[in-house]
Amino acid sequence: SIVVITGFALTTGLDIPTVGDMGTLPDALPSFALPIVPLNFETLDIILPYALALSLVGLLESFLTANVIDDLTDTSSDKNQEAVGQGIANIVAGCFGGMAGCAMIGQSMINIGSGGRMRLSSLSAGIFLFVCIILLNDWVARIPMAALVAVMIMVSISTFHWDSIRNLRRVPKSETAVMMTTVFMTVLTHNLAIGVVVGVALSAIFFSRKIAALIFVDSYLKESGVERIYSVNGQVFFVSVENFLNTFDFREHIESVTIDLTHAHLWDQSAVDAVDKVVLRFRRRGIKVHLIGLNEASATLLDRLTTHSSKQTIFKEGRVIH
């Protein structure tokens, strides 16, 4: 299609934008040259935001491309090797005045669709691009931009999973919201990194709310009638502490309370604060409190951050900590 459209534009003399109108193509190999910049924090402050954005977008697109190609070829690629190789290649490219690059879904799909499965296909693509830019730059400069746009549109159409639109009604609304927000922010800001960051943050919020709803506290009164057992199941962290606190009855007339955390985990300062509130509120009413079943990580966090009296006995995995 590129050859046909280019030939038609040249023979008819159409005045349309071409590749050459976008800039001058190189006609020689680049030379090695280290960047000459001041090595200070001011330079770092200028470079770091762009470097982080480029690395984030590059790695995300490379990993996404690797997953897509793995599914198509029924293989398993080494993501760490891909990341390291991409980083080294971009450093070397920068020393020759080149721009950072990453794996591209469109080109990879075309490569796979054309039968390219081995490393030779990537090498051949690079050599062909080199020949076109250096040796055939005059001809490349005459290619109409409309031809390249048409090719990219067809690549987008062929690589887009149209089933994902039909499945929007079936998937959870939270996932649909994350996808639509990511697309909207990317289009609005013209920055894929911002769209990805917003999407990840929104996904984390939805995930934390789902996890917070999965905390359960069962309780029963022992035969003596003076001791209640609370069994906590789930993850206790800043989002779920409200549900955790609302499950305890602080007005019940009993002598002692045992809180079993065998099937729970304390994740942060908010979780420790919630446990402290429970212990202190029971103590104000003269009720003894025992914590049992703490795993190693939860017990360590509680020991380090707790504010209730150290005289409180805590049972951890069958052992007593004073």
C-alpha atoms as a PDB file:
ATOM      1  CA  SER A   1       0.000   0.000   0.000  1.00  0.00           C
ATOM      2  CA  ILE A   2       2.884   2.385   0.739  1.00  0.00           C
ATOM      3  CA  VAL A   3       4.422   1.730  -2.688  1.00  0.00           C
ATOM      4  CA  VAL A   4       1.090   2.174  -4.488  1.00  0.00           C
ATOM      5  CA  ILE A   5       0.152   5.400  -2.702  1.00  0.00           C
ATOM      6  CA  THR A   6       3.662   6.824  -3.089  1.00  0.00           C
ATOM      7  CA  GLY A   7       3.688   5.986  -6.799  1.00  0.00           C
ATOM      8  CA  PHE A   8       0.244   7.533  -7.274  1.00  0.00           C
ATOM      9  CA  ALA A   9       1.279  10.722  -5.463  1.00  0.00           C
ATOM     10  CA  LEU A  10       4.467  11.054  -7.528  1.00  0.00           C
ATOM     11  CA  THR A  11       2.807  10.423 -10.897  1.00  0.00           C
ATOM     12  CA  THR A  12      -0.125  12.749 -10.276  1.00  0.00           C
ATOM     13  CA  GLY A  13       1.936  15.448  -8.567  1.00  0.00           C
ATOM     14  CA  LEU A  14      -0.342  15.692  -5.535  1.00  0.00           C
ATOM     15  CA  ASP A  15       0.724  18.352  -3.052  1.00  0.00           C
ATOM     16  CA  ILE A  16       0.427  16.340   0.170  1.00  0.00           C
ATOM     17  CA  PRO A  17       2.653  16.167   3.275  1.00  0.00           C
ATOM     18  CA  THR A  18       5.498  13.682   2.994  1.00  0.00           C
ATOM     19  CA  VAL A  19       8.024  12.161   5.375  1.00  0.00           C
ATOM     20  CA  GLY A  20      10.588  14.689   4.187  1.00  0.00           C
ATOM     21  CA  ASP A  21       8.313  17.550   5.262  1.00  0.00           C
ATOM     22  CA  MET A  22       8.469  16.306   8.844  1.00  0.00           C
ATOM     23  CA  GLY A  23      12.243  16.724   9.055  1.00  0.00           C
ATOM     24  CA  THR A  24      15.569  15.973   7.420  1.00  0.00           C
ATOM     25  CA  LEU A  25      16.517  12.307   7.247  1.00  0.00           C
ATOM     26  CA  PRO A  26      20.115  11.375   8.148  1.00  0.00           C
ATOM     27  CA  ASP A  27      22.469  10.419   5.342  1.00  0.00           C
ATOM     28  CA  ALA A  28      25.386   9.118   7.429  1.00  0.00           C
ATOM     29  CA  LEU A  29      26.045   6.948  10.450  1.00  0.00           C
ATOM     30  CA  PRO A  30      26.005   8.734  13.818  1.00  0.00           C
ATOM     31  CA  SER A  31      29.269   9.121  15.701  1.00  0.00           C
ATOM     32  CA  PHE A  32      29.959   8.183  19.301  1.00  0.00           C
ATOM     33  CA  ALA A  33      29.788  11.146  21.665  1.00  0.00           C
ATOM     34  CA  LEU A  34      29.150  11.265  25.383  1.00  0.00           C
ATOM     35  CA  PRO A  35      26.655  13.947  26.476  1.00  0.00           C
ATOM     36  CA  ILE A  36      28.459  17.023  27.785  1.00  0.00           C
ATOM     37  CA  VAL A  37      26.280  18.281  30.646  1.00  0.00           C
ATOM     38  CA  PRO A  38      27.033  19.543  34.169  1.00  0.00           C
ATOM     39  CA  LEU A  39      27.008  16.632  36.607  1.00  0.00           C
ATOM     40  CA  ASN A  40      24.968  18.284  39.369  1.00  0.00           C
ATOM     41  CA  PHE A  41      21.537  18.098  41.007  1.00  0.00           C
ATOM     42  CA  GLU A  42      20.127  20.764  38.711  1.00  0.00           C
ATOM     43  CA  THR A  43      20.794  18.569  35.694  1.00  0.00           C
ATOM     44  CA  LEU A  44      19.355  15.572  37.532  1.00  0.00           C
ATOM     45  CA  ASP A  45      16.233  17.578  38.390  1.00  0.00           C
ATOM     46  CA  ILE A  46      15.722  18.309  34.692  1.00  0.00           C
ATOM     47  CA  ILE A  47      16.442  14.817  33.382  1.00  0.00           C
ATOM     48  CA  LEU A  48      14.905  12.595  36.072  1.00  0.00           C
ATOM     49  CA  PRO A  49      11.165  13.234  35.392  1.00  0.00           C
ATOM     50  CA  TYR A  50      11.566  12.496  31.684  1.00  0.00           C
ATOM     51  CA  ALA A  51      13.792   9.482  32.334  1.00  0.00           C
ATOM     52  CA  LEU A  52      11.284   7.974  34.771  1.00  0.00           C
ATOM     53  CA  ALA A  53       8.362   8.607  32.412  1.00  0.00           C
ATOM     54  CA  LEU A  54      10.182   7.073  29.442  1.00  0.00           C
ATOM     55  CA  SER A  55      11.346   4.051  31.422  1.00  0.00           C
ATOM     56  CA  LEU A  56       7.867   3.458  32.837  1.00  0.00           C
ATOM     57  CA  VAL A  57       6.137   3.679  29.472  1.00  0.00           C
ATOM     58  CA  GLY A  58       8.868   1.674  27.740  1.00  0.00           C
ATOM     59  CA  LEU A  59       8.822  -1.171  30.250  1.00  0.00           C
ATOM     60  CA  LEU A  60       5.030  -1.327  30.364  1.00  0.00           C
ATOM     61  CA  GLU A  61       4.709  -1.466  26.592  1.00  0.00           C
ATOM     62  CA  SER A  62       7.549  -3.979  26.298  1.00  0.00           C
ATOM     63  CA  PHE A  63       6.014  -6.276  28.910  1.00  0.00           C
ATOM     64  CA  LEU A  64       2.579  -5.921  27.327  1.00  0.00           C
ATOM     65  CA  THR A  65       4.051  -6.754  23.929  1.00  0.00           C
ATOM     66  CA  ALA A  66       5.898  -9.739  25.395  1.00  0.00           C
ATOM     67  CA  ASN A  67       2.685 -11.078  26.943  1.00  0.00           C
ATOM     68  CA  VAL A  68       0.782 -10.687  23.668  1.00  0.00           C
ATOM     69  CA  ILE A  69       3.523 -12.397  21.656  1.00  0.00           C
ATOM     70  CA  ASP A  70       3.835 -15.173  24.258  1.00  0.00           C
ATOM     71  CA  ASP A  71       0.118 -15.888  23.872  1.00  0.00           C
ATOM     72  CA  LEU A  72       0.348 -15.920  20.081  1.00  0.00           C
ATOM     73  CA  THR A  73       3.414 -18.156  19.919  1.00  0.00           C
ATOM     74  CA  ASP A  74       2.657 -20.294  22.991  1.00  0.00           C
ATOM     75  CA  THR A  75       6.075 -19.494  24.460  1.00  0.00           C
ATOM     76  CA  SER A  76       7.441 -17.934  27.634  1.00  0.00           C
ATOM     77  CA  SER A  77       9.805 -14.971  27.340  1.00  0.00           C
ATOM     78  CA  ASP A  78      12.281 -13.755  29.949  1.00  0.00           C
ATOM     79  CA  LYS A  79      10.948 -10.366  31.079  1.00  0.00           C
ATOM     80  CA  ASN A  80      14.037  -9.593  33.159  1.00  0.00           C
ATOM     81  CA  GLN A  81      16.315 -10.226  30.187  1.00  0.00           C
ATOM     82  CA  GLU A  82      14.085  -8.013  28.068  1.00  0.00           C
ATOM     83  CA  ALA A  83      14.249  -5.168  30.602  1.00  0.00           C
ATOM     84  CA  VAL A  84      18.033  -5.391  31.036  1.00  0.00           C
ATOM     85  CA  GLY A  85      18.651  -5.621  27.282  1.00  0.00           C
ATOM     86  CA  GLN A  86      16.346  -2.703  26.604  1.00  0.00           C
ATOM     87  CA  GLY A  87      18.092  -0.589  29.232  1.00  0.00           C
ATOM     88  CA  ILE A  88      21.576  -1.330  27.893  1.00  0.00           C
ATOM     89  CA  ALA A  89      20.461  -0.671  24.313  1.00  0.00           C
ATOM     90  CA  ASN A  90      18.938   2.691  25.245  1.00  0.00           C
ATOM     91  CA  ILE A  91      22.103   3.746  27.086  1.00  0.00           C
ATOM     92  CA  VAL A  92      24.240   2.870  24.065  1.00  0.00           C
ATOM     93  CA  ALA A  93      21.771   4.586  21.711  1.00  0.00           C
ATOM     94  CA  GLY A  94      21.997   7.748  23.795  1.00  0.00           C
ATOM     95  CA  CYS A  95      25.766   7.785  23.352  1.00  0.00           C
ATOM     96  CA  PHE A  96      25.183   7.930  19.577  1.00  0.00           C
ATOM     97  CA  GLY A  97      22.556  10.646  19.772  1.00  0.00           C
ATOM     98  CA  GLY A  98      19.653   8.239  19.426  1.00  0.00           C
ATOM     99  CA  MET A  99      16.277   8.237  21.152  1.00  0.00           C
ATOM    100  CA  ALA A 100      15.038   5.712  23.679  1.00  0.00           C
ATOM    101  CA  GLY A 101      12.996   2.840  22.293  1.00  0.00           C
ATOM    102  CA  CYS A 102      11.051  -0.200  23.405  1.00  0.00           C
ATOM    103  CA  ALA A 103       9.129  -3.160  22.035  1.00  0.00           C
ATOM    104  CA  MET A 104       6.154  -2.136  19.890  1.00  0.00           C
ATOM    105  CA  ILE A 105       2.906  -4.083  19.709  1.00  0.00           C
ATOM    106  CA  GLY A 106       2.052  -3.051  16.147  1.00  0.00           C
ATOM    107  CA  GLN A 107       5.395  -3.958  14.603  1.00  0.00           C
ATOM    108  CA  SER A 108       5.592  -7.164  16.630  1.00  0.00           C
ATOM    109  CA  MET A 109       2.140  -8.251  15.473  1.00  0.00           C
ATOM    110  CA  ILE A 110       3.084  -7.600  11.849  1.00  0.00           C
ATOM    111  CA  ASN A 111       6.295  -9.543  12.363  1.00  0.00           C
ATOM    112  CA  ILE A 112       4.479 -12.548  13.850  1.00  0.00           C
ATOM    113  CA  GLY A 113       1.775 -12.371  11.189  1.00  0.00           C
ATOM    114  CA  SER A 114       4.468 -12.479   8.500  1.00  0.00           C
ATOM    115  CA  GLY A 115       5.965 -15.639   9.961  1.00  0.00           C
ATOM    116  CA  GLY A 116       8.845 -14.083  11.900  1.00  0.00           C
ATOM    117  CA  ARG A 117       9.455 -16.088  15.084  1.00  0.00           C
ATOM    118  CA  MET A 118      13.221 -16.032  15.693  1.00  0.00           C
ATOM    119  CA  ARG A 119      15.783 -13.335  16.493  1.00  0.00           C
ATOM    120  CA  LEU A 120      16.738 -13.192  12.818  1.00  0.00           C
ATOM    121  CA  SER A 121      13.430 -11.474  12.068  1.00  0.00           C
ATOM    122  CA  SER A 122      14.225  -8.597  14.458  1.00  0.00           C
ATOM    123  CA  LEU A 123      17.750  -8.322  13.047  1.00  0.00           C
ATOM    124  CA  SER A 124      16.411  -8.294   9.492  1.00  0.00           C
ATOM    125  CA  ALA A 125      13.927  -5.547  10.364  1.00  0.00           C
ATOM    126  CA  GLY A 126      16.712  -3.431  11.839  1.00  0.00           C
ATOM    127  CA  ILE A 127      18.984  -3.924   8.834  1.00  0.00           C
ATOM    128  CA  PHE A 128      16.164  -3.108   6.406  1.00  0.00           C
ATOM    129  CA  LEU A 129      15.323   0.068   8.322  1.00  0.00           C
ATOM    130  CA  PHE A 130      19.011   1.019   8.315  1.00  0.00           C
ATOM    131  CA  VAL A 131      19.230   0.559   4.539  1.00  0.00           C
ATOM    132  CA  CYS A 132      16.054   2.582   3.967  1.00  0.00           C
ATOM    133  CA  ILE A 133      17.181   5.508   6.119  1.00  0.00           C
ATOM    134  CA  ILE A 134      20.838   5.714   5.061  1.00  0.00           C
ATOM    135  CA  LEU A 135      20.873   4.499   1.454  1.00  0.00           C
ATOM    136  CA  LEU A 136      17.319   5.170   0.301  1.00  0.00           C
ATOM    137  CA  ASN A 137      16.621   8.330   2.274  1.00  0.00           C
ATOM    138  CA  ASP A 138      15.685  10.317  -0.831  1.00  0.00           C
ATOM    139  CA  TRP A 139      12.945   7.844  -1.678  1.00  0.00           C
ATOM    140  CA  VAL A 140      11.773   7.496   1.923  1.00  0.00           C
ATOM    141  CA  ALA A 141      11.431  11.282   2.149  1.00  0.00           C
ATOM    142  CA  ARG A 142       8.883  11.156  -0.713  1.00  0.00           C
ATOM    143  CA  ILE A 143       6.539   8.725   1.038  1.00  0.00           C
ATOM    144  CA  PRO A 144       3.223  10.502   1.790  1.00  0.00           C
ATOM    145  CA  MET A 145       2.312  10.690   5.469  1.00  0.00           C
ATOM    146  CA  ALA A 146      -1.173   9.544   4.486  1.00  0.00           C
ATOM    147  CA  ALA A 147       0.285   6.175   3.464  1.00  0.00           C
ATOM    148  CA  LEU A 148       1.965   5.687   6.838  1.00  0.00           C
ATOM    149  CA  VAL A 149      -1.180   6.796   8.678  1.00  0.00           C
ATOM    150  CA  ALA A 150      -3.252   4.307   6.692  1.00  0.00           C
ATOM    151  CA  VAL A 151      -0.838   1.494   7.543  1.00  0.00           C
ATOM    152  CA  MET A 152      -0.892   2.335  11.262  1.00  0.00           C
ATOM    153  CA  ILE A 153      -4.692   2.503  11.261  1.00  0.00           C
ATOM    154  CA  MET A 154      -4.895  -0.952   9.701  1.00  0.00           C
ATOM    155  CA  VAL A 155      -2.351  -2.266  12.208  1.00  0.00           C
ATOM    156  CA  SER A 156      -4.441  -0.835  15.050  1.00  0.00           C
ATOM    157  CA  ILE A 157      -7.606  -2.394  13.671  1.00  0.00           C
ATOM    158  CA  SER A 158      -5.968  -5.790  13.256  1.00  0.00           C
ATOM    159  CA  THR A 159      -4.362  -5.810  16.710  1.00  0.00           C
ATOM    160  CA  PHE A 160      -7.356  -4.478  18.657  1.00  0.00           C
ATOM    161  CA  HIS A 161      -9.325  -7.123  20.545  1.00  0.00           C
ATOM    162  CA  TRP A 162     -12.872  -6.267  19.526  1.00  0.00           C
ATOM    163  CA  ASP A 163     -14.260  -8.874  21.912  1.00  0.00           C
ATOM    164  CA  SER A 164     -13.207  -6.618  24.783  1.00  0.00           C
ATOM    165  CA  ILE A 165     -15.933  -4.121  23.820  1.00  0.00           C
ATOM    166  CA  ARG A 166     -18.636  -6.780  23.839  1.00  0.00           C
ATOM    167  CA  ASN A 167     -17.415  -8.000  27.216  1.00  0.00           C
ATOM    168  CA  LEU A 168     -17.711  -4.587  28.887  1.00  0.00           C
ATOM    169  CA  ARG A 169     -21.151  -5.521  30.221  1.00  0.00           C
ATOM    170  CA  ARG A 170     -19.845  -8.745  31.714  1.00  0.00           C
ATOM    171  CA  VAL A 171     -16.670  -7.597  33.449  1.00  0.00           C
ATOM    172  CA  PRO A 172     -16.879  -5.864  36.856  1.00  0.00           C
ATOM    173  CA  LYS A 173     -17.732  -2.181  36.689  1.00  0.00           C
ATOM    174  CA  SER A 174     -14.533  -1.335  38.543  1.00  0.00           C
ATOM    175  CA  GLU A 175     -12.396  -2.854  35.767  1.00  0.00           C
ATOM    176  CA  THR A 176     -14.386  -0.985  33.126  1.00  0.00           C
ATOM    177  CA  ALA A 177     -13.914   2.255  35.067  1.00  0.00           C
ATOM    178  CA  VAL A 178     -10.158   1.683  35.295  1.00  0.00           C
ATOM    179  CA  MET A 179      -9.873   0.970  31.567  1.00  0.00           C
ATOM    180  CA  MET A 180     -11.976   3.965  30.516  1.00  0.00           C
ATOM    181  CA  THR A 181     -10.169   6.301  32.923  1.00  0.00           C
ATOM    182  CA  THR A 182      -6.762   5.167  31.678  1.00  0.00           C
ATOM    183  CA  VAL A 183      -7.759   5.718  28.047  1.00  0.00           C
ATOM    184  CA  PHE A 184      -9.343   9.094  28.831  1.00  0.00           C
ATOM    185  CA  MET A 185      -6.303  10.387  30.744  1.00  0.00           C
ATOM    186  CA  THR A 186      -3.925   9.167  28.043  1.00  0.00           C
ATOM    187  CA  VAL A 187      -5.899  10.921  25.299  1.00  0.00           C
ATOM    188  CA  LEU A 188      -6.412  14.054  27.412  1.00  0.00           C
ATOM    189  CA  THR A 189      -2.764  14.496  28.407  1.00  0.00           C
ATOM    190  CA  HIS A 190      -1.131  12.826  25.373  1.00  0.00           C
ATOM    191  CA  ASN A 191       1.041  11.063  27.940  1.00  0.00           C
ATOM    192  CA  LEU A 192       0.771   7.303  28.369  1.00  0.00           C
ATOM    193  CA  ALA A 193       2.712   7.438  31.647  1.00  0.00           C
ATOM    194  CA  ILE A 194       0.099   9.692  33.267  1.00  0.00           C
ATOM    195  CA  GLY A 195      -2.708   7.467  32.031  1.00  0.00           C
ATOM    196  CA  VAL A 196      -1.006   4.360  33.395  1.00  0.00           C
ATOM    197  CA  VAL A 197      -0.279   5.959  36.789  1.00  0.00           C
ATOM    198  CA  VAL A 198      -3.882   7.142  37.156  1.00  0.00           C
ATOM    199  CA  GLY A 199      -5.176   3.721  36.107  1.00  0.00           C
ATOM    200  CA  VAL A 200      -2.918   1.896  38.565  1.00  0.00           C
ATOM    201  CA  ALA A 201      -3.907   4.258  41.398  1.00  0.00           C
ATOM    202  CA  LEU A 202      -7.609   3.817  40.656  1.00  0.00           C
ATOM    203  CA  SER A 203      -7.192   0.051  40.435  1.00  0.00           C
ATOM    204  CA  ALA A 204      -5.412   0.053  43.815  1.00  0.00           C
ATOM    205  CA  ILE A 205      -8.303   1.987  45.365  1.00  0.00           C
ATOM    206  CA  PHE A 206     -10.888  -0.459  44.030  1.00  0.00           C
ATOM    207  CA  PHE A 207      -8.782  -3.423  45.149  1.00  0.00           C
ATOM    208  CA  SER A 208      -8.327  -2.077  48.673  1.00  0.00           C
ATOM    209  CA  ARG A 209     -12.069  -1.489  49.014  1.00  0.00           C
ATOM    210  CA  LYS A 210     -12.783  -5.050  47.910  1.00  0.00           C
ATOM    211  CA  ILE A 211     -10.265  -6.447  50.388  1.00  0.00           C
ATOM    212  CA  ALA A 212     -11.676  -4.250  53.156  1.00  0.00           C
ATOM    213  CA  ALA A 213     -15.098  -5.816  52.692  1.00  0.00           C
ATOM    214  CA  LEU A 214     -13.633  -9.303  53.198  1.00  0.00           C
ATOM    215  CA  ILE A 215     -12.905  -8.930  56.922  1.00  0.00           C
ATOM    216  CA  PHE A 216     -15.154 -10.972  59.222  1.00  0.00           C
ATOM    217  CA  VAL A 217     -15.269 -11.203  63.002  1.00  0.00           C
ATOM    218  CA  ASP A 218     -17.138 -14.098  64.624  1.00  0.00           C
ATOM    219  CA  SER A 219     -17.740 -14.181  68.363  1.00  0.00           C
ATOM    220  CA  TYR A 220     -19.207 -16.473  70.987  1.00  0.00           C
ATOM    221  CA  LEU A 221     -19.585 -16.445  74.752  1.00  0.00           C
ATOM    222  CA  LYS A 222     -17.859 -19.230  76.662  1.00  0.00           C
ATOM    223  CA  GLU A 223     -19.842 -21.484  78.977  1.00  0.00           C
ATOM    224  CA  SER A 224     -18.605 -19.559  82.009  1.00  0.00           C
ATOM    225  CA  GLY A 225     -20.561 -16.552  80.773  1.00  0.00           C
ATOM    226  CA  VAL A 226     -17.785 -14.122  81.667  1.00  0.00           C
ATOM    227  CA  GLU A 227     -15.432 -14.474  78.679  1.00  0.00           C
ATOM    228  CA  ARG A 228     -16.096 -13.738  75.003  1.00  0.00           C
ATOM    229  CA  ILE A 229     -13.983 -15.025  72.114  1.00  0.00           C
ATOM    230  CA  TYR A 230     -13.609 -12.895  68.984  1.00  0.00           C
ATOM    231  CA  SER A 231     -12.193 -14.659  65.907  1.00  0.00           C
ATOM    232  CA  VAL A 232     -10.926 -12.261  63.222  1.00  0.00           C
ATOM    233  CA  ASN A 233     -10.666 -13.390  59.588  1.00  0.00           C
ATOM    234  CA  GLY A 234      -9.195 -11.144  56.895  1.00  0.00           C
ATOM    235  CA  GLN A 235      -6.730  -8.350  56.281  1.00  0.00           C
ATOM    236  CA  VAL A 236      -6.609  -5.488  58.790  1.00  0.00           C
ATOM    237  CA  PHE A 237      -5.262  -2.256  57.255  1.00  0.00           C
ATOM    238  CA  PHE A 238      -6.211   1.395  56.861  1.00  0.00           C
ATOM    239  CA  VAL A 239      -9.283   0.697  54.726  1.00  0.00           C
ATOM    240  CA  SER A 240     -10.763  -2.143  56.805  1.00  0.00           C
ATOM    241  CA  VAL A 241     -10.169  -0.792  60.338  1.00  0.00           C
ATOM    242  CA  GLU A 242     -13.633   0.776  60.544  1.00  0.00           C
ATOM    243  CA  ASN A 243     -15.337  -2.545  59.847  1.00  0.00           C
ATOM    244  CA  PHE A 244     -12.941  -4.175  62.318  1.00  0.00           C
ATOM    245  CA  LEU A 245     -13.811  -1.751  65.143  1.00  0.00           C
ATOM    246  CA  ASN A 246     -17.562  -1.923  64.568  1.00  0.00           C
ATOM    247  CA  THR A 247     -17.681  -5.675  65.262  1.00  0.00           C
ATOM    248  CA  PHE A 248     -16.795  -5.422  68.975  1.00  0.00           C
ATOM    249  CA  ASP A 249     -19.384  -4.942  71.722  1.00  0.00           C
ATOM    250  CA  PHE A 250     -17.725  -2.777  74.371  1.00  0.00           C
ATOM    251  CA  ARG A 251     -20.847  -2.513  76.564  1.00  0.00           C
ATOM    252  CA  GLU A 252     -21.221  -6.214  77.272  1.00  0.00           C
ATOM    253  CA  HIS A 253     -20.891  -7.147  80.967  1.00  0.00           C
ATOM    254  CA  ILE A 254     -18.068  -9.685  80.924  1.00  0.00           C
ATOM    255  CA  GLU A 255     -14.738 -10.128  82.691  1.00  0.00           C
ATOM    256  CA  SER A 256     -12.345 -10.954  79.840  1.00  0.00           C
ATOM    257  CA  VAL A 257     -12.045 -10.930  76.072  1.00  0.00           C
ATOM    258  CA  THR A 258      -9.860 -13.077  73.821  1.00  0.00           C
ATOM    259  CA  ILE A 259      -9.175 -11.795  70.305  1.00  0.00           C
ATOM    260  CA  ASP A 260      -8.027 -14.606  68.011  1.00  0.00           C
ATOM    261  CA  LEU A 261      -5.981 -13.257  65.076  1.00  0.00           C
ATOM    262  CA  THR A 262      -4.907 -16.648  63.721  1.00  0.00           C
ATOM    263  CA  HIS A 263      -6.647 -16.028  60.395  1.00  0.00           C
ATOM    264  CA  ALA A 264      -5.891 -12.304  60.200  1.00  0.00           C
ATOM    265  CA  HIS A 265      -2.911 -10.128  59.325  1.00  0.00           C
ATOM    266  CA  LEU A 266      -1.975  -6.639  60.525  1.00  0.00           C
ATOM    267  CA  TRP A 267      -0.529  -4.596  57.695  1.00  0.00           C
ATOM    268  CA  ASP A 268       0.114  -1.031  58.826  1.00  0.00           C
ATOM    269  CA  GLN A 269       0.005   1.630  61.547  1.00  0.00           C
ATOM    270  CA  SER A 270      -3.763   1.978  61.157  1.00  0.00           C
ATOM    271  CA  ALA A 271      -4.221  -1.720  61.953  1.00  0.00           C
ATOM    272  CA  VAL A 272      -2.085  -1.414  65.100  1.00  0.00           C
ATOM    273  CA  ASP A 273      -4.004   1.707  66.141  1.00  0.00           C
ATOM    274  CA  ALA A 274      -7.267  -0.182  65.706  1.00  0.00           C
ATOM    275  CA  VAL A 275      -6.043  -3.020  67.936  1.00  0.00           C
ATOM    276  CA  ASP A 276      -4.901  -0.452  70.507  1.00  0.00           C
ATOM    277  CA  LYS A 277      -8.335   1.181  70.505  1.00  0.00           C
ATOM    278  CA  VAL A 278     -10.039  -2.160  71.076  1.00  0.00           C
ATOM    279  CA  VAL A 279      -7.686  -3.098  73.918  1.00  0.00           C
ATOM    280  CA  LEU A 280      -7.901   0.286  75.649  1.00  0.00           C
ATOM    281  CA  ARG A 281     -11.689   0.561  75.372  1.00  0.00           C
ATOM    282  CA  PHE A 282     -12.140  -2.862  76.934  1.00  0.00           C
ATOM    283  CA  ARG A 283      -9.642  -2.014  79.669  1.00  0.00           C
ATOM    284  CA  ARG A 284     -11.467   1.183  80.604  1.00  0.00           C
ATOM    285  CA  ARG A 285     -14.419  -1.014  81.526  1.00  0.00           C
ATOM    286  CA  GLY A 286     -12.237  -3.295  83.605  1.00  0.00           C
ATOM    287  CA  ILE A 287     -12.220  -6.113  81.047  1.00  0.00           C
ATOM    288  CA  LYS A 288      -9.046  -8.147  80.549  1.00  0.00           C
ATOM    289  CA  VAL A 289      -7.899  -8.571  76.955  1.00  0.00           C
ATOM    290  CA  HIS A 290      -5.788 -11.331  75.420  1.00  0.00           C
ATOM    291  CA  LEU A 291      -4.518 -11.360  71.838  1.00  0.00           C
ATOM    292  CA  ILE A 292      -3.753 -14.797  70.413  1.00  0.00           C
ATOM    293  CA  GLY A 293      -2.702 -16.311  67.096  1.00  0.00           C
ATOM    294  CA  LEU A 294      -0.584 -13.421  65.820  1.00  0.00           C
ATOM    295  CA  ASN A 295       1.734 -14.431  63.006  1.00  0.00           C
ATOM    296  CA  GLU A 296       5.386 -13.386  63.086  1.00  0.00           C
ATOM    297  CA  ALA A 297       5.002 -10.271  60.934  1.00  0.00           C
ATOM    298  CA  SER A 298       1.880  -9.026  62.720  1.00  0.00           C
ATOM    299  CA  ALA A 299       3.387  -9.610  66.169  1.00  0.00           C
ATOM    300  CA  THR A 300       6.580  -7.764  65.223  1.00  0.00           C
ATOM    301  CA  LEU A 301       4.592  -4.812  63.875  1.00  0.00           C
ATOM    302  CA  LEU A 302       2.395  -4.737  66.973  1.00  0.00           C
ATOM    303  CA  ASP A 303       5.359  -4.933  69.353  1.00  0.00           C
ATOM    304  CA  ARG A 304       7.065  -2.028  67.585  1.00  0.00           C
ATOM    305  CA  LEU A 305       4.107   0.329  67.152  1.00  0.00           C
ATOM    306  CA  THR A 306       1.647  -0.499  69.925  1.00  0.00           C
ATOM    307  CA  THR A 307       0.801   2.137  72.531  1.00  0.00           C
ATOM    308  CA  HIS A 308      -1.128   0.036  75.054  1.00  0.00           C
ATOM    309  CA  SER A 309       0.564  -1.116  78.244  1.00  0.00           C
ATOM    310  CA  SER A 310       3.402  -3.596  77.861  1.00  0.00           C
ATOM    311  CA  LYS A 311       1.912  -5.534  80.753  1.00  0.00           C
ATOM    312  CA  GLN A 312      -0.746  -6.762  78.374  1.00  0.00           C
ATOM    313  CA  THR A 313      -0.030 -10.397  77.568  1.00  0.00           C
ATOM    314  CA  ILE A 314       0.078 -11.253  73.878  1.00  0.00           C
ATOM    315  CA  PHE A 315       0.047 -14.837  72.694  1.00  0.00           C
ATOM    316  CA  LYS A 316       1.892 -15.354  69.414  1.00  0.00           C
ATOM    317  CA  GLU A 317       1.797 -18.761  67.717  1.00  0.00           C
ATOM    318  CA  GLY A 318       1.378 -20.550  71.039  1.00  0.00           C
ATOM    319  CA  ARG A 319       4.115 -18.570  72.840  1.00  0.00           C
ATOM    320  CA  VAL A 320       3.642 -15.757  75.338  1.00  0.00           C
ATOM    321  CA  ILE A 321       5.264 -12.365  74.816  1.00  0.00           C
ATOM    322  CA  HIS A 322       5.455 -10.090  77.874  1.00  0.00           C
END
